[in-house]
Amino acid sequence: MSIEKRLQELARLIGLTSYDIKAYIALVENGPLTARDVALKASIPSSKVYSVLHKLYRLGYVEIDDKKRPELFYAVSPTDIFNRLIQRFSDYVNSIKPLIDSLQLMYESTYKGRVTAQSELLYVVRGLDSTKELIMKSMGYGNLDVATPYIELLDHRVLSMIEDISRNNETRLLVSRDITYHVKDLPPRIHIRVRDKLFGGGFIGIGGVVLIIKHGMDYISLYSRQDYIIDIAKTYFNNLWNDAEVFQR
């Protein structure tokens, strides 16, 4: 498929016309041009070429040297345009995220029987397997804080992930005293502290936060990527960490 045809597909997504694309390509291929030359090389009617070029200028895709007579039009770097489009789409997606979260919560309220986990604003799941999946989702590859009194949450897969993350990131592990034997062989680069008791567990990573409570033989876990929930979790973890005993290996 030709460059022009591929750009025509993109044009439909970002609100450009075929004349807009043809004018931009003419400037990329030929360098600075007058409006008359753009019209000739891009086969754009002379009655439309000025409106096309000034539209591209307003969008930041074209620059104008109005000190020349007639004025000259320059193409902005395609890479610069691509980066602007990425930012534009990112800003738009972020702007509608609260709307999507609201719709998701409405959906979950209506379809209670079909929804097993809530929106990314707040997931709530039951069961050990589902909890472990949220743990893996939360950790990512960045600084990691873990607190747990539950040995079941520190299986081989989770411990391997913790070790891997700790190679390049600060990793803090807070455990209850009765499971210290399970973590004693972890590398010294993983900071470990101990408390006599912990009410529940938590994993705080770049992928989000998971808060875990064991109810009877079952697990109830909450996951979120919301900054304010992560901040609350970090504040609570730091309070626990500062009052905890350094683990003597």
Protein backbone atom coordinates (compact mmCIF):
# COMPACT_ATOMS: atom_id res chain seq x y z
CA MET A 1 0.00 0.00 0.00
CA SER A 2 1.37 3.45 -0.93
CA ILE A 3 2.39 6.01 1.66
CA GLU A 4 -0.43 8.29 0.57
CA LYS A 5 -3.05 5.56 0.98
CA ARG A 6 -1.74 4.68 4.44
CA LEU A 7 -1.83 8.34 5.39
CA GLN A 8 -5.37 8.61 4.07
CA GLU A 9 -6.37 5.93 6.59
CA LEU A 10 -4.71 7.93 9.36
CA ALA A 11 -6.33 11.12 8.08
CA ARG A 12 -9.82 9.72 8.68
CA LEU A 13 -8.90 9.07 12.31
CA ILE A 14 -7.54 12.55 13.01
CA GLY A 15 -9.95 14.64 10.95
CA LEU A 16 -7.82 15.49 7.91
CA THR A 17 -9.05 15.55 4.32
CA SER A 18 -7.36 14.08 1.28
CA TYR A 19 -6.29 17.60 0.27
CA ASP A 20 -4.65 18.06 3.68
CA ILE A 21 -2.63 14.87 3.21
CA LYS A 22 -1.66 15.70 -0.37
CA ALA A 23 -0.47 19.16 0.63
CA TYR A 24 1.62 17.81 3.50
CA ILE A 25 3.21 15.11 1.32
CA ALA A 26 4.06 17.70 -1.34
CA LEU A 27 5.92 19.74 1.28
CA VAL A 28 7.74 16.69 2.64
CA GLU A 29 8.83 15.56 -0.84
CA ASN A 30 9.75 18.97 -2.28
CA GLY A 31 10.76 21.14 0.65
CA PRO A 32 9.42 24.69 1.21
CA LEU A 33 6.86 25.72 -1.40
CA THR A 34 4.58 28.62 -2.14
CA ALA A 35 0.85 27.99 -1.99
CA ARG A 36 0.74 28.10 -5.81
CA ASP A 37 3.43 25.40 -6.06
CA VAL A 38 1.65 23.23 -3.49
CA ALA A 39 -1.54 23.48 -5.53
CA LEU A 40 0.31 22.40 -8.68
CA LYS A 41 2.31 19.54 -7.15
CA ALA A 42 -0.53 18.18 -5.02
CA SER A 43 -3.31 18.70 -7.58
CA ILE A 44 -5.30 20.87 -5.19
CA PRO A 45 -7.63 23.57 -6.64
CA SER A 46 -6.03 26.99 -6.22
CA SER A 47 -9.26 28.21 -4.60
CA LYS A 48 -8.77 25.70 -1.76
CA VAL A 49 -5.01 25.53 -1.26
CA TYR A 50 -4.74 28.50 1.13
CA SER A 51 -7.45 27.19 3.42
CA VAL A 52 -5.80 23.76 3.40
CA LEU A 53 -2.35 25.10 4.24
CA HIS A 54 -3.59 27.42 6.96
CA LYS A 55 -5.58 24.58 8.50
CA LEU A 56 -2.38 22.50 8.61
CA TYR A 57 -0.60 25.49 10.16
CA ARG A 58 -3.26 25.80 12.93
CA LEU A 59 -2.89 22.07 13.65
CA GLY A 60 0.89 22.41 13.90
CA TYR A 61 1.67 20.26 10.87
CA VAL A 62 3.01 23.11 8.72
CA GLU A 63 5.09 26.22 9.38
CA ILE A 64 4.88 29.51 7.46
CA ASP A 65 7.62 31.98 6.57
CA ASP A 66 5.56 35.11 6.03
CA LYS A 67 8.65 37.28 5.60
CA LYS A 68 8.97 35.98 2.07
CA ARG A 69 6.78 37.20 -0.75
CA PRO A 70 4.98 35.08 -1.66
CA GLU A 71 5.01 33.32 1.71
CA LEU A 72 6.63 29.90 1.97
CA PHE A 73 5.18 26.83 3.65
CA TYR A 74 7.34 24.20 5.39
CA ALA A 75 6.41 20.68 6.52
CA VAL A 76 6.87 19.97 10.23
CA SER A 77 8.92 16.82 10.91
CA PRO A 78 6.78 13.65 10.63
CA THR A 79 8.30 12.42 13.90
CA ASP A 80 7.21 15.60 15.68
CA ILE A 81 3.71 15.18 14.30
CA PHE A 82 3.62 11.53 15.39
CA ASN A 83 4.64 12.49 18.94
CA ARG A 84 1.94 15.17 19.03
CA LEU A 85 -0.66 12.65 17.89
CA ILE A 86 0.42 10.19 20.56
CA GLN A 87 0.09 12.91 23.20
CA ARG A 88 -3.26 13.99 21.79
CA PHE A 89 -4.66 10.45 21.91
CA SER A 90 -3.18 9.90 25.38
CA ASP A 91 -4.76 13.10 26.71
CA TYR A 92 -8.10 12.13 25.22
CA VAL A 93 -8.01 8.60 26.63
CA ASN A 94 -7.10 9.95 30.08
CA SER A 95 -9.87 12.53 29.89
CA ILE A 96 -12.56 9.90 29.32
CA LYS A 97 -11.23 7.40 31.90
CA PRO A 98 -13.50 8.74 34.70
CA LEU A 99 -16.49 8.35 32.37
CA ILE A 100 -15.53 4.76 31.57
CA ASP A 101 -15.06 4.00 35.27
CA SER A 102 -18.53 5.39 36.01
CA LEU A 103 -20.10 3.35 33.22
CA GLN A 104 -18.26 0.24 34.42
CA LEU A 105 -19.60 0.65 37.94
CA MET A 106 -23.11 1.09 36.52
CA TYR A 107 -22.61 -2.05 34.42
CA GLU A 108 -21.44 -4.05 37.42
CA SER A 109 -24.43 -2.91 39.43
CA THR A 110 -26.80 -4.03 36.67
CA TYR A 111 -25.02 -7.28 35.69
CA LYS A 112 -24.07 -8.57 39.13
CA GLY A 113 -24.47 -12.17 38.09
CA ARG A 114 -22.09 -11.85 35.17
CA VAL A 115 -19.31 -9.74 36.68
CA THR A 116 -16.54 -11.56 38.56
CA ALA A 117 -14.29 -8.53 39.11
CA GLN A 118 -15.01 -4.84 39.32
CA SER A 119 -13.57 -2.00 37.25
CA GLU A 120 -9.93 -0.99 37.31
CA LEU A 121 -10.99 1.73 39.69
CA LEU A 122 -11.42 -1.08 42.20
CA TYR A 123 -11.30 -4.86 41.66
CA VAL A 124 -12.63 -7.14 44.37
CA VAL A 125 -12.06 -10.88 44.05
CA ARG A 126 -12.39 -13.99 46.18
CA GLY A 127 -10.15 -17.03 46.28
CA LEU A 128 -6.44 -17.76 46.51
CA ASP A 129 -5.85 -18.27 42.78
CA SER A 130 -7.55 -15.00 41.85
CA THR A 131 -5.59 -13.21 44.57
CA LYS A 132 -2.30 -14.52 43.19
CA GLU A 133 -3.18 -13.27 39.73
CA LEU A 134 -3.80 -9.80 41.16
CA ILE A 135 -0.49 -10.01 43.01
CA MET A 136 1.36 -10.70 39.76
CA LYS A 137 -0.58 -7.89 38.08
CA SER A 138 0.39 -5.40 40.80
CA MET A 139 4.11 -6.06 41.04
CA GLY A 140 5.46 -5.04 37.64
CA TYR A 141 9.17 -4.15 37.48
CA GLY A 142 9.72 -1.23 39.83
CA ASN A 143 10.07 -0.58 43.56
CA LEU A 144 8.06 -3.14 45.51
CA ASP A 145 6.62 -3.26 49.03
CA VAL A 146 5.15 -6.51 50.34
CA ALA A 147 3.49 -7.26 53.67
CA THR A 148 2.00 -10.64 54.46
CA PRO A 149 1.25 -13.01 57.32
CA TYR A 150 0.08 -15.60 54.79
CA ILE A 151 2.69 -18.10 53.65
CA GLU A 152 0.37 -19.21 50.83
CA LEU A 153 0.93 -15.87 49.09
CA LEU A 154 4.67 -16.46 48.90
CA ASP A 155 4.71 -19.47 46.59
CA HIS A 156 7.60 -20.20 44.23
CA ARG A 157 6.24 -18.04 41.42
CA VAL A 158 5.72 -14.99 43.65
CA LEU A 159 9.09 -15.37 45.39
CA SER A 160 10.86 -15.74 42.04
CA MET A 161 9.19 -12.56 40.83
CA ILE A 162 10.20 -10.72 44.00
CA GLU A 163 13.82 -11.84 43.59
CA ASP A 164 13.84 -10.79 39.95
CA ILE A 165 12.40 -7.34 40.72
CA SER A 166 14.90 -6.81 43.53
CA ARG A 167 17.86 -7.02 41.13
CA ASN A 168 17.23 -3.47 39.94
CA ASN A 169 14.67 -2.02 42.35
CA GLU A 170 14.24 -1.37 46.06
CA THR A 171 12.28 -4.27 47.50
CA ARG A 172 10.90 -4.36 51.04
CA LEU A 173 9.31 -7.47 52.53
CA LEU A 174 7.41 -7.34 55.83
CA VAL A 175 6.31 -10.69 57.26
CA SER A 176 4.81 -12.02 60.45
CA ARG A 177 7.25 -13.79 62.76
CA ASP A 178 5.79 -17.25 62.21
CA ILE A 179 6.75 -17.36 58.52
CA THR A 180 10.30 -15.93 58.67
CA TYR A 181 11.75 -19.39 58.00
CA HIS A 182 10.12 -19.23 54.57
CA VAL A 183 12.00 -16.09 53.52
CA LYS A 184 15.33 -16.51 55.32
CA ASP A 185 17.15 -17.60 52.17
CA LEU A 186 16.13 -14.65 50.04
CA PRO A 187 19.03 -12.48 48.78
CA PRO A 188 20.32 -9.80 51.20
CA ARG A 189 19.39 -7.10 48.68
CA ILE A 190 15.76 -7.71 49.70
CA HIS A 191 15.11 -5.74 52.88
CA ILE A 192 13.16 -7.87 55.34
CA ARG A 193 11.49 -6.82 58.56
CA VAL A 194 9.33 -8.72 61.02
CA ARG A 195 6.25 -8.04 63.11
CA ASP A 196 4.61 -10.36 65.59
CA LYS A 197 1.25 -10.02 63.87
CA LEU A 198 -0.15 -8.54 60.68
CA PHE A 199 -3.86 -7.99 60.21
CA GLY A 200 -3.72 -8.69 56.47
CA GLY A 201 -1.44 -8.64 53.47
CA GLY A 202 -0.56 -6.21 50.73
CA PHE A 203 1.53 -5.86 47.57
CA ILE A 204 2.37 -2.37 46.34
CA GLY A 205 4.15 -2.15 42.99
CA ILE A 206 4.17 -0.08 39.83
CA GLY A 207 1.27 -2.17 38.58
CA GLY A 208 -1.01 -1.14 41.43
CA VAL A 209 -1.87 -2.24 44.95
CA VAL A 210 -3.49 -5.44 46.26
CA LEU A 211 -4.90 -5.56 49.80
CA ILE A 212 -5.62 -9.06 51.07
CA ILE A 213 -7.67 -10.41 53.98
CA LYS A 214 -8.09 -14.07 54.85
CA HIS A 215 -11.66 -14.82 55.89
CA GLY A 216 -11.96 -18.34 57.27
CA MET A 217 -10.34 -20.49 54.58
CA ASP A 218 -11.05 -18.01 51.81
CA TYR A 219 -9.32 -14.86 50.61
CA ILE A 220 -10.93 -11.53 49.83
CA SER A 221 -8.69 -9.15 47.87
CA LEU A 222 -8.97 -5.60 46.63
CA TYR A 223 -6.90 -4.29 43.70
CA SER A 224 -6.58 -0.75 42.42
CA ARG A 225 -4.35 1.44 40.27
CA GLN A 226 -5.81 4.68 41.58
CA ASP A 227 -3.09 7.01 42.88
CA TYR A 228 -4.94 7.98 46.05
CA ILE A 229 -5.52 4.34 47.04
CA ILE A 230 -1.86 3.53 46.35
CA ASP A 231 -0.81 6.52 48.48
CA ILE A 232 -2.99 5.33 51.38
CA ALA A 233 -1.50 1.83 51.12
CA LYS A 234 2.07 3.19 51.02
CA THR A 235 1.46 5.40 54.05
CA TYR A 236 0.09 2.47 56.04
CA PHE A 237 2.92 0.19 54.91
CA ASN A 238 5.54 2.77 55.94
CA ASN A 239 4.00 3.02 59.42
CA LEU A 240 4.15 -0.75 59.79
CA TRP A 241 7.67 -0.88 58.37
CA ASN A 242 9.06 1.78 60.67
CA ASP A 243 7.76 -0.04 63.75
CA ALA A 244 8.98 -3.45 62.60
CA GLU A 245 12.10 -5.38 63.66
CA VAL A 246 14.95 -5.80 61.16
CA PHE A 247 15.26 -9.46 60.25
CA GLN A 248 18.59 -10.95 61.31
CA ARG A 249 19.70 -13.40 58.62
